[in-house]
Amino acid sequence: MKNFFAKIVMVAATLMLSTGLVSAVEVKVTTPDAAGAARSAGDKTKASATAVKESAKGSAVAAKGAVADTKAGAKAAATDAKTTAAGAKAAAKAKIVDINTATDAELKSVPGIGESYAAKIIAGRPYANKAQLKSRKVLPVPVYEQVKDLIIAKQAKK
């Protein structure tokens, strides 16, 4: 019976680890000292019953604790993810580069645009919209798809 509960706890821990809800779960299954003392006295039946009861209680408490930790960890991870996503959106909005007025260094700061692409963008100015980078073959389609959310083509005021 003790092995049965130990297997249940191990399966639960494995499932939690495989779903990514927790990074590590430590479960200790020990035989209580009372069971060891009873065994030495020769009362094996009572000792095994006591050991099973204590082991079951310990396993249940460990499993409940692991589930509570998992729920708290999941909530914290969700909050961190929301905060990170909001920060990334704000940072991306702040780092949008205007392809019609940006300097060489500003264009190079966009991930995916190197020295040669920056020179091509500057040489092809002005752009009516950022899609012209693709249609004029200034940037290859995969590079354009990578940078399209980080660039803009503002028009000069007349």
N, C-alpha and C. Protein backbone atom coordinates (compact mmCIF):
# COMPACT_ATOMS: atom_id res chain seq x y z
N MET A 1 0.83 -1.18 0.00
CA MET A 1 0.00 0.00 0.00
C MET A 1 0.87 1.25 0.00
N LYS A 2 1.99 1.21 0.73
CA LYS A 2 2.91 2.34 0.79
C LYS A 2 3.48 2.62 -0.59
N ASN A 3 3.82 1.57 -1.31
CA ASN A 3 4.34 1.74 -2.66
C ASN A 3 3.31 2.35 -3.58
N PHE A 4 2.04 1.99 -3.37
CA PHE A 4 0.97 2.53 -4.20
C PHE A 4 0.89 4.05 -4.05
N PHE A 5 0.91 4.54 -2.81
CA PHE A 5 0.85 5.98 -2.57
C PHE A 5 2.10 6.68 -3.08
N ALA A 6 3.24 6.04 -2.93
CA ALA A 6 4.48 6.62 -3.43
C ALA A 6 4.42 6.75 -4.95
N LYS A 7 3.86 5.75 -5.61
CA LYS A 7 3.72 5.81 -7.08
C LYS A 7 2.78 6.92 -7.49
N ILE A 8 1.69 7.10 -6.76
CA ILE A 8 0.73 8.16 -7.07
C ILE A 8 1.40 9.53 -6.96
N VAL A 9 2.15 9.72 -5.89
CA VAL A 9 2.85 10.99 -5.71
C VAL A 9 3.87 11.21 -6.82
N MET A 10 4.56 10.18 -7.20
CA MET A 10 5.56 10.32 -8.26
C MET A 10 4.90 10.63 -9.61
N VAL A 11 3.76 9.98 -9.89
CA VAL A 11 3.04 10.26 -11.14
C VAL A 11 2.55 11.70 -11.15
N ALA A 12 2.02 12.16 -10.02
CA ALA A 12 1.54 13.54 -9.92
C ALA A 12 2.69 14.51 -10.13
N ALA A 13 3.83 14.25 -9.53
CA ALA A 13 5.00 15.11 -9.69
C ALA A 13 5.47 15.12 -11.14
N THR A 14 5.48 13.95 -11.77
CA THR A 14 5.89 13.85 -13.17
C THR A 14 4.95 14.65 -14.06
N LEU A 15 3.66 14.54 -13.82
CA LEU A 15 2.69 15.30 -14.61
C LEU A 15 2.88 16.80 -14.44
N MET A 16 3.12 17.24 -13.21
CA MET A 16 3.32 18.66 -12.97
C MET A 16 4.59 19.15 -13.66
N LEU A 17 5.63 18.36 -13.63
CA LEU A 17 6.88 18.74 -14.29
C LEU A 17 6.71 18.77 -15.79
N SER A 18 5.99 17.82 -16.35
CA SER A 18 5.84 17.75 -17.80
C SER A 18 4.97 18.86 -18.33
N THR A 19 4.05 19.39 -17.54
CA THR A 19 3.21 20.50 -17.99
C THR A 19 3.89 21.83 -17.75
N GLY A 20 5.02 21.84 -17.07
CA GLY A 20 5.76 23.07 -16.87
C GLY A 20 5.21 23.93 -15.75
N LEU A 21 4.33 23.39 -14.93
CA LEU A 21 3.75 24.18 -13.85
C LEU A 21 4.73 24.40 -12.72
N VAL A 22 5.61 23.45 -12.51
CA VAL A 22 6.62 23.59 -11.47
C VAL A 22 7.95 23.16 -12.05
N SER A 23 9.02 23.69 -11.46
CA SER A 23 10.33 23.32 -11.96
C SER A 23 10.90 22.11 -11.24
N ALA A 24 10.52 21.91 -9.99
CA ALA A 24 10.99 20.73 -9.26
C ALA A 24 10.07 20.48 -8.09
N VAL A 25 9.82 19.23 -7.82
CA VAL A 25 8.99 18.85 -6.68
C VAL A 25 9.79 17.82 -5.90
N GLU A 26 9.93 18.06 -4.60
CA GLU A 26 10.66 17.13 -3.77
C GLU A 26 9.68 16.45 -2.84
N VAL A 27 9.60 15.16 -2.93
CA VAL A 27 8.70 14.38 -2.09
C VAL A 27 9.53 13.33 -1.36
N LYS A 28 9.41 13.31 -0.05
CA LYS A 28 10.12 12.32 0.74
C LYS A 28 9.10 11.38 1.34
N VAL A 29 9.31 10.11 1.12
CA VAL A 29 8.45 9.10 1.72
C VAL A 29 9.33 8.35 2.71
N THR A 30 9.00 8.49 3.98
CA THR A 30 9.81 7.85 5.02
C THR A 30 8.93 6.97 5.88
N THR A 31 9.56 6.03 6.51
CA THR A 31 8.86 5.16 7.44
C THR A 31 8.96 5.81 8.82
N PRO A 32 7.83 6.04 9.48
CA PRO A 32 7.86 6.67 10.80
C PRO A 32 8.62 5.81 11.82
N ASP A 33 9.18 6.49 12.81
CA ASP A 33 9.94 5.79 13.85
C ASP A 33 9.07 4.82 14.64
N ALA A 34 7.81 5.11 14.83
CA ALA A 34 6.91 4.23 15.59
C ALA A 34 6.78 2.88 14.88
N ALA A 35 6.76 2.92 13.56
CA ALA A 35 6.65 1.66 12.81
C ALA A 35 7.92 0.83 12.99
N GLY A 36 9.07 1.47 13.00
CA GLY A 36 10.32 0.74 13.19
C GLY A 36 10.41 0.13 14.58
N ALA A 37 9.96 0.86 15.59
CA ALA A 37 9.98 0.34 16.96
C ALA A 37 9.03 -0.83 17.11
N ALA A 38 7.86 -0.74 16.48
CA ALA A 38 6.89 -1.83 16.59
C ALA A 38 7.41 -3.08 15.90
N ARG A 39 8.10 -2.90 14.79
CA ARG A 39 8.66 -4.05 14.07
C ARG A 39 9.69 -4.77 14.95
N SER A 40 10.52 -3.99 15.62
CA SER A 40 11.54 -4.62 16.45
C SER A 40 10.91 -5.38 17.62
N ALA A 41 9.72 -4.96 18.02
CA ALA A 41 9.02 -5.66 19.09
C ALA A 41 8.33 -6.92 18.58
N GLY A 42 8.29 -7.10 17.28
CA GLY A 42 7.72 -8.31 16.71
C GLY A 42 6.29 -8.15 16.24
N ASP A 43 5.71 -6.97 16.35
CA ASP A 43 4.32 -6.75 15.93
C ASP A 43 4.33 -6.19 14.51
N LYS A 44 4.61 -7.05 13.52
CA LYS A 44 4.76 -6.62 12.14
C LYS A 44 3.44 -6.12 11.55
N THR A 45 2.34 -6.71 11.92
CA THR A 45 1.05 -6.30 11.36
C THR A 45 0.72 -4.88 11.78
N LYS A 46 0.88 -4.58 13.05
CA LYS A 46 0.59 -3.25 13.54
C LYS A 46 1.56 -2.24 12.96
N ALA A 47 2.80 -2.63 12.84
CA ALA A 47 3.82 -1.72 12.30
C ALA A 47 3.52 -1.37 10.85
N SER A 48 3.15 -2.36 10.05
CA SER A 48 2.90 -2.07 8.64
C SER A 48 1.63 -1.23 8.48
N ALA A 49 0.63 -1.48 9.31
CA ALA A 49 -0.59 -0.67 9.24
C ALA A 49 -0.29 0.78 9.62
N THR A 50 0.49 0.95 10.69
CA THR A 50 0.85 2.30 11.11
C THR A 50 1.69 2.98 10.04
N ALA A 51 2.61 2.26 9.46
CA ALA A 51 3.48 2.84 8.42
C ALA A 51 2.66 3.27 7.21
N VAL A 52 1.70 2.45 6.82
CA VAL A 52 0.85 2.78 5.68
C VAL A 52 0.04 4.02 5.97
N LYS A 53 -0.55 4.09 7.17
CA LYS A 53 -1.35 5.26 7.54
C LYS A 53 -0.50 6.52 7.55
N GLU A 54 0.66 6.45 8.18
CA GLU A 54 1.54 7.62 8.25
C GLU A 54 2.05 8.01 6.87
N SER A 55 2.38 7.01 6.08
CA SER A 55 2.86 7.28 4.72
C SER A 55 1.78 7.92 3.88
N ALA A 56 0.54 7.42 4.03
CA ALA A 56 -0.58 7.99 3.29
C ALA A 56 -0.82 9.43 3.70
N LYS A 57 -0.76 9.69 5.01
CA LYS A 57 -0.95 11.06 5.49
C LYS A 57 0.15 11.96 4.94
N GLY A 58 1.38 11.50 5.01
CA GLY A 58 2.51 12.30 4.51
C GLY A 58 2.40 12.54 3.02
N SER A 59 2.01 11.51 2.27
CA SER A 59 1.87 11.65 0.82
C SER A 59 0.76 12.61 0.48
N ALA A 60 -0.36 12.52 1.21
CA ALA A 60 -1.49 13.41 0.93
C ALA A 60 -1.11 14.85 1.24
N VAL A 61 -0.43 15.06 2.35
CA VAL A 61 0.00 16.41 2.70
C VAL A 61 1.00 16.93 1.67
N ALA A 62 1.93 16.10 1.26
CA ALA A 62 2.91 16.52 0.26
C ALA A 62 2.23 16.83 -1.07
N ALA A 63 1.26 16.01 -1.45
CA ALA A 63 0.56 16.25 -2.71
C ALA A 63 -0.26 17.54 -2.63
N LYS A 64 -0.95 17.76 -1.50
CA LYS A 64 -1.70 19.01 -1.34
C LYS A 64 -0.77 20.21 -1.37
N GLY A 65 0.36 20.10 -0.71
CA GLY A 65 1.33 21.20 -0.72
C GLY A 65 1.86 21.46 -2.11
N ALA A 66 2.12 20.39 -2.85
CA ALA A 66 2.62 20.55 -4.21
C ALA A 66 1.59 21.20 -5.10
N VAL A 67 0.33 20.83 -4.93
CA VAL A 67 -0.74 21.44 -5.73
C VAL A 67 -0.88 22.90 -5.36
N ALA A 68 -0.85 23.23 -4.07
CA ALA A 68 -0.95 24.64 -3.65
C ALA A 68 0.22 25.44 -4.20
N ASP A 69 1.44 24.87 -4.11
CA ASP A 69 2.60 25.55 -4.66
C ASP A 69 2.47 25.74 -6.16
N THR A 70 1.92 24.75 -6.84
CA THR A 70 1.74 24.83 -8.28
C THR A 70 0.77 25.94 -8.64
N LYS A 71 -0.34 26.03 -7.93
CA LYS A 71 -1.33 27.08 -8.20
C LYS A 71 -0.72 28.46 -7.96
N ALA A 72 -0.02 28.62 -6.85
CA ALA A 72 0.60 29.91 -6.55
C ALA A 72 1.67 30.24 -7.58
N GLY A 73 2.44 29.24 -7.96
CA GLY A 73 3.49 29.45 -8.97
C GLY A 73 2.90 29.80 -10.32
N ALA A 74 1.80 29.16 -10.67
CA ALA A 74 1.15 29.45 -11.95
C ALA A 74 0.61 30.87 -11.97
N LYS A 75 0.00 31.30 -10.85
CA LYS A 75 -0.50 32.67 -10.77
C LYS A 75 0.65 33.67 -10.88
N ALA A 76 1.74 33.40 -10.19
CA ALA A 76 2.88 34.30 -10.25
C ALA A 76 3.47 34.34 -11.65
N ALA A 77 3.56 33.19 -12.30
CA ALA A 77 4.10 33.13 -13.66
C ALA A 77 3.19 33.89 -14.63
N ALA A 78 1.88 33.76 -14.46
CA ALA A 78 0.95 34.47 -15.33
C ALA A 78 1.08 35.98 -15.14
N THR A 79 1.22 36.41 -13.89
CA THR A 79 1.40 37.84 -13.62
C THR A 79 2.71 38.34 -14.22
N ASP A 80 3.78 37.56 -14.07
CA ASP A 80 5.07 37.95 -14.65
C ASP A 80 4.98 38.02 -16.17
N ALA A 81 4.28 37.07 -16.77
CA ALA A 81 4.14 37.06 -18.23
C ALA A 81 3.38 38.29 -18.72
N LYS A 82 2.30 38.66 -18.00
CA LYS A 82 1.54 39.85 -18.38
C LYS A 82 2.39 41.10 -18.26
N THR A 83 3.14 41.21 -17.17
CA THR A 83 4.00 42.36 -16.97
C THR A 83 5.08 42.43 -18.04
N THR A 84 5.68 41.30 -18.36
CA THR A 84 6.72 41.25 -19.38
C THR A 84 6.15 41.61 -20.75
N ALA A 85 4.97 41.09 -21.06
CA ALA A 85 4.35 41.38 -22.36
C ALA A 85 4.01 42.85 -22.48
N ALA A 86 3.49 43.44 -21.40
CA ALA A 86 3.16 44.86 -21.43
C ALA A 86 4.43 45.70 -21.58
N GLY A 87 5.48 45.30 -20.89
CA GLY A 87 6.76 46.01 -21.00
C GLY A 87 7.35 45.88 -22.39
N ALA A 88 7.22 44.71 -22.99
CA ALA A 88 7.76 44.49 -24.33
C ALA A 88 7.00 45.33 -25.35
N LYS A 89 5.66 45.41 -25.20
CA LYS A 89 4.87 46.23 -26.12
C LYS A 89 5.26 47.69 -26.00
N ALA A 90 5.42 48.16 -24.77
CA ALA A 90 5.79 49.55 -24.56
C ALA A 90 7.18 49.83 -25.12
N ALA A 91 8.10 48.90 -24.90
CA ALA A 91 9.46 49.07 -25.41
C ALA A 91 9.47 49.04 -26.93
N ALA A 92 8.68 48.14 -27.52
CA ALA A 92 8.62 48.06 -28.98
C ALA A 92 8.02 49.33 -29.56
N LYS A 93 7.01 49.87 -28.89
CA LYS A 93 6.39 51.10 -29.36
C LYS A 93 7.39 52.25 -29.29
N ALA A 94 8.17 52.28 -28.25
CA ALA A 94 9.13 53.36 -28.07
C ALA A 94 10.30 53.24 -29.04
N LYS A 95 10.61 52.05 -29.52
CA LYS A 95 11.76 51.83 -30.37
C LYS A 95 11.41 51.76 -31.85
N ILE A 96 10.20 52.16 -32.24
CA ILE A 96 9.82 52.13 -33.66
C ILE A 96 10.65 53.17 -34.40
N VAL A 97 11.25 52.74 -35.49
CA VAL A 97 12.17 53.59 -36.24
C VAL A 97 11.49 54.04 -37.53
N ASP A 98 11.58 55.34 -37.81
CA ASP A 98 11.04 55.90 -39.06
C ASP A 98 12.07 55.70 -40.16
N ILE A 99 11.72 54.93 -41.18
CA ILE A 99 12.68 54.61 -42.24
C ILE A 99 12.97 55.80 -43.15
N ASN A 100 12.13 56.85 -43.11
CA ASN A 100 12.37 58.03 -43.95
C ASN A 100 13.31 59.04 -43.31
N THR A 101 13.47 59.00 -41.99
CA THR A 101 14.31 59.99 -41.31
C THR A 101 15.40 59.40 -40.43
N ALA A 102 15.42 58.12 -40.23
CA ALA A 102 16.37 57.49 -39.30
C ALA A 102 17.80 57.57 -39.83
N THR A 103 18.72 57.70 -38.90
CA THR A 103 20.14 57.68 -39.25
C THR A 103 20.58 56.25 -39.50
N ASP A 104 21.78 56.12 -40.00
CA ASP A 104 22.36 54.80 -40.24
C ASP A 104 22.41 53.99 -38.95
N ALA A 105 22.84 54.62 -37.86
CA ALA A 105 22.96 53.92 -36.57
C ALA A 105 21.58 53.50 -36.05
N GLU A 106 20.56 54.34 -36.21
CA GLU A 106 19.22 53.99 -35.75
C GLU A 106 18.67 52.80 -36.53
N LEU A 107 18.92 52.77 -37.84
CA LEU A 107 18.46 51.64 -38.65
C LEU A 107 19.18 50.35 -38.26
N LYS A 108 20.47 50.46 -37.98
CA LYS A 108 21.24 49.27 -37.58
C LYS A 108 20.79 48.73 -36.22
N SER A 109 20.18 49.58 -35.39
CA SER A 109 19.74 49.13 -34.07
C SER A 109 18.51 48.23 -34.16
N VAL A 110 17.84 48.21 -35.30
CA VAL A 110 16.68 47.33 -35.49
C VAL A 110 17.20 45.92 -35.75
N PRO A 111 16.77 44.93 -34.95
CA PRO A 111 17.22 43.55 -35.16
C PRO A 111 16.84 43.06 -36.55
N GLY A 112 17.84 42.60 -37.31
CA GLY A 112 17.60 42.11 -38.66
C GLY A 112 18.12 43.05 -39.74
N ILE A 113 18.35 44.30 -39.39
CA ILE A 113 18.88 45.27 -40.35
C ILE A 113 20.34 45.51 -40.02
N GLY A 114 21.18 45.14 -40.96
CA GLY A 114 22.61 45.34 -40.79
C GLY A 114 23.08 46.54 -41.60
N GLU A 115 24.39 46.60 -41.80
CA GLU A 115 25.00 47.73 -42.49
C GLU A 115 24.52 47.85 -43.94
N SER A 116 24.48 46.75 -44.67
CA SER A 116 24.11 46.80 -46.08
C SER A 116 22.62 47.14 -46.26
N TYR A 117 21.75 46.56 -45.43
CA TYR A 117 20.33 46.87 -45.53
C TYR A 117 20.07 48.34 -45.14
N ALA A 118 20.76 48.82 -44.12
CA ALA A 118 20.60 50.22 -43.72
C ALA A 118 20.99 51.16 -44.86
N ALA A 119 22.09 50.84 -45.55
CA ALA A 119 22.53 51.66 -46.68
C ALA A 119 21.50 51.63 -47.81
N LYS A 120 20.93 50.46 -48.08
CA LYS A 120 19.90 50.34 -49.13
C LYS A 120 18.65 51.14 -48.77
N ILE A 121 18.25 51.09 -47.51
CA ILE A 121 17.06 51.82 -47.07
C ILE A 121 17.28 53.32 -47.24
N ILE A 122 18.44 53.81 -46.83
CA ILE A 122 18.74 55.24 -46.94
C ILE A 122 18.80 55.65 -48.41
N ALA A 123 19.39 54.83 -49.26
CA ALA A 123 19.50 55.16 -50.69
C ALA A 123 18.15 55.19 -51.39
N GLY A 124 17.16 54.43 -50.93
CA GLY A 124 15.87 54.35 -51.59
C GLY A 124 14.83 55.33 -51.09
N ARG A 125 15.18 56.24 -50.19
CA ARG A 125 14.22 57.19 -49.62
C ARG A 125 13.69 58.14 -50.67
N PRO A 126 12.52 58.67 -50.50
CA PRO A 126 11.51 58.47 -49.46
C PRO A 126 10.61 57.28 -49.78
N TYR A 127 9.96 56.78 -48.75
CA TYR A 127 9.03 55.66 -48.87
C TYR A 127 7.63 56.14 -48.49
N ALA A 128 6.63 55.78 -49.27
CA ALA A 128 5.24 56.13 -48.96
C ALA A 128 4.73 55.28 -47.81
N ASN A 129 5.18 54.03 -47.74
CA ASN A 129 4.82 53.13 -46.65
C ASN A 129 5.92 52.10 -46.48
N LYS A 130 5.90 51.44 -45.36
CA LYS A 130 6.98 50.50 -45.07
C LYS A 130 6.95 49.27 -45.98
N ALA A 131 5.81 48.94 -46.55
CA ALA A 131 5.71 47.79 -47.45
C ALA A 131 6.54 48.00 -48.72
N GLN A 132 6.89 49.23 -49.03
CA GLN A 132 7.72 49.49 -50.20
C GLN A 132 9.13 48.91 -50.05
N LEU A 133 9.55 48.68 -48.84
CA LEU A 133 10.84 48.01 -48.64
C LEU A 133 10.82 46.63 -49.28
N LYS A 134 9.66 45.99 -49.21
CA LYS A 134 9.50 44.66 -49.80
C LYS A 134 9.25 44.77 -51.30
N SER A 135 8.36 45.66 -51.71
CA SER A 135 8.00 45.75 -53.13
C SER A 135 9.14 46.29 -53.99
N ARG A 136 9.96 47.16 -53.43
CA ARG A 136 11.12 47.69 -54.17
C ARG A 136 12.34 46.77 -54.05
N LYS A 137 12.17 45.69 -53.33
CA LYS A 137 13.22 44.68 -53.11
C LYS A 137 14.44 45.26 -52.39
N VAL A 138 14.17 46.18 -51.47
CA VAL A 138 15.23 46.71 -50.61
C VAL A 138 15.55 45.67 -49.54
N LEU A 139 14.50 45.04 -49.01
CA LEU A 139 14.68 43.98 -48.02
C LEU A 139 14.03 42.70 -48.55
N PRO A 140 14.65 41.54 -48.31
CA PRO A 140 13.99 40.27 -48.66
C PRO A 140 12.77 40.06 -47.76
N VAL A 141 11.82 39.28 -48.22
CA VAL A 141 10.57 39.05 -47.50
C VAL A 141 10.80 38.55 -46.07
N PRO A 142 11.68 37.57 -45.81
CA PRO A 142 11.86 37.11 -44.42
C PRO A 142 12.38 38.22 -43.50
N VAL A 143 13.27 39.06 -44.01
CA VAL A 143 13.81 40.15 -43.19
C VAL A 143 12.71 41.18 -42.95
N TYR A 144 11.94 41.51 -43.99
CA TYR A 144 10.84 42.46 -43.83
C TYR A 144 9.84 41.95 -42.79
N GLU A 145 9.49 40.68 -42.83
CA GLU A 145 8.55 40.11 -41.86
C GLU A 145 9.09 40.22 -40.44
N GLN A 146 10.40 40.13 -40.30
CA GLN A 146 11.04 40.22 -38.98
C GLN A 146 11.00 41.64 -38.44
N VAL A 147 11.15 42.65 -39.32
CA VAL A 147 11.29 44.03 -38.86
C VAL A 147 10.04 44.88 -39.03
N LYS A 148 9.01 44.39 -39.67
CA LYS A 148 7.85 45.22 -40.02
C LYS A 148 7.16 45.85 -38.81
N ASP A 149 7.21 45.20 -37.65
CA ASP A 149 6.58 45.76 -36.45
C ASP A 149 7.47 46.77 -35.75
N LEU A 150 8.71 46.89 -36.19
CA LEU A 150 9.66 47.80 -35.53
C LEU A 150 9.95 49.05 -36.36
N ILE A 151 9.35 49.16 -37.53
CA ILE A 151 9.61 50.30 -38.40
C ILE A 151 8.30 50.98 -38.81
N ILE A 152 8.43 52.22 -39.28
CA ILE A 152 7.30 53.00 -39.77
C ILE A 152 7.81 53.92 -40.85
N ALA A 153 6.94 54.35 -41.74
CA ALA A 153 7.32 55.30 -42.79
C ALA A 153 6.45 56.53 -42.67
N LYS A 154 6.91 57.48 -41.86
CA LYS A 154 6.15 58.72 -41.69
C LYS A 154 6.38 59.61 -42.90
N GLN A 155 5.36 60.37 -43.24
CA GLN A 155 5.45 61.28 -44.37
C GLN A 155 5.82 62.68 -43.89
N ALA A 156 6.64 63.36 -44.67
CA ALA A 156 7.03 64.73 -44.34
C ALA A 156 5.82 65.64 -44.51
N LYS A 157 5.68 66.60 -43.60
CA LYS A 157 4.57 67.54 -43.70
C LYS A 157 4.86 68.54 -44.81
N LYS A 158 3.82 68.88 -45.59
CA LYS A 158 4.00 69.79 -46.71
C LYS A 158 3.75 71.22 -46.33
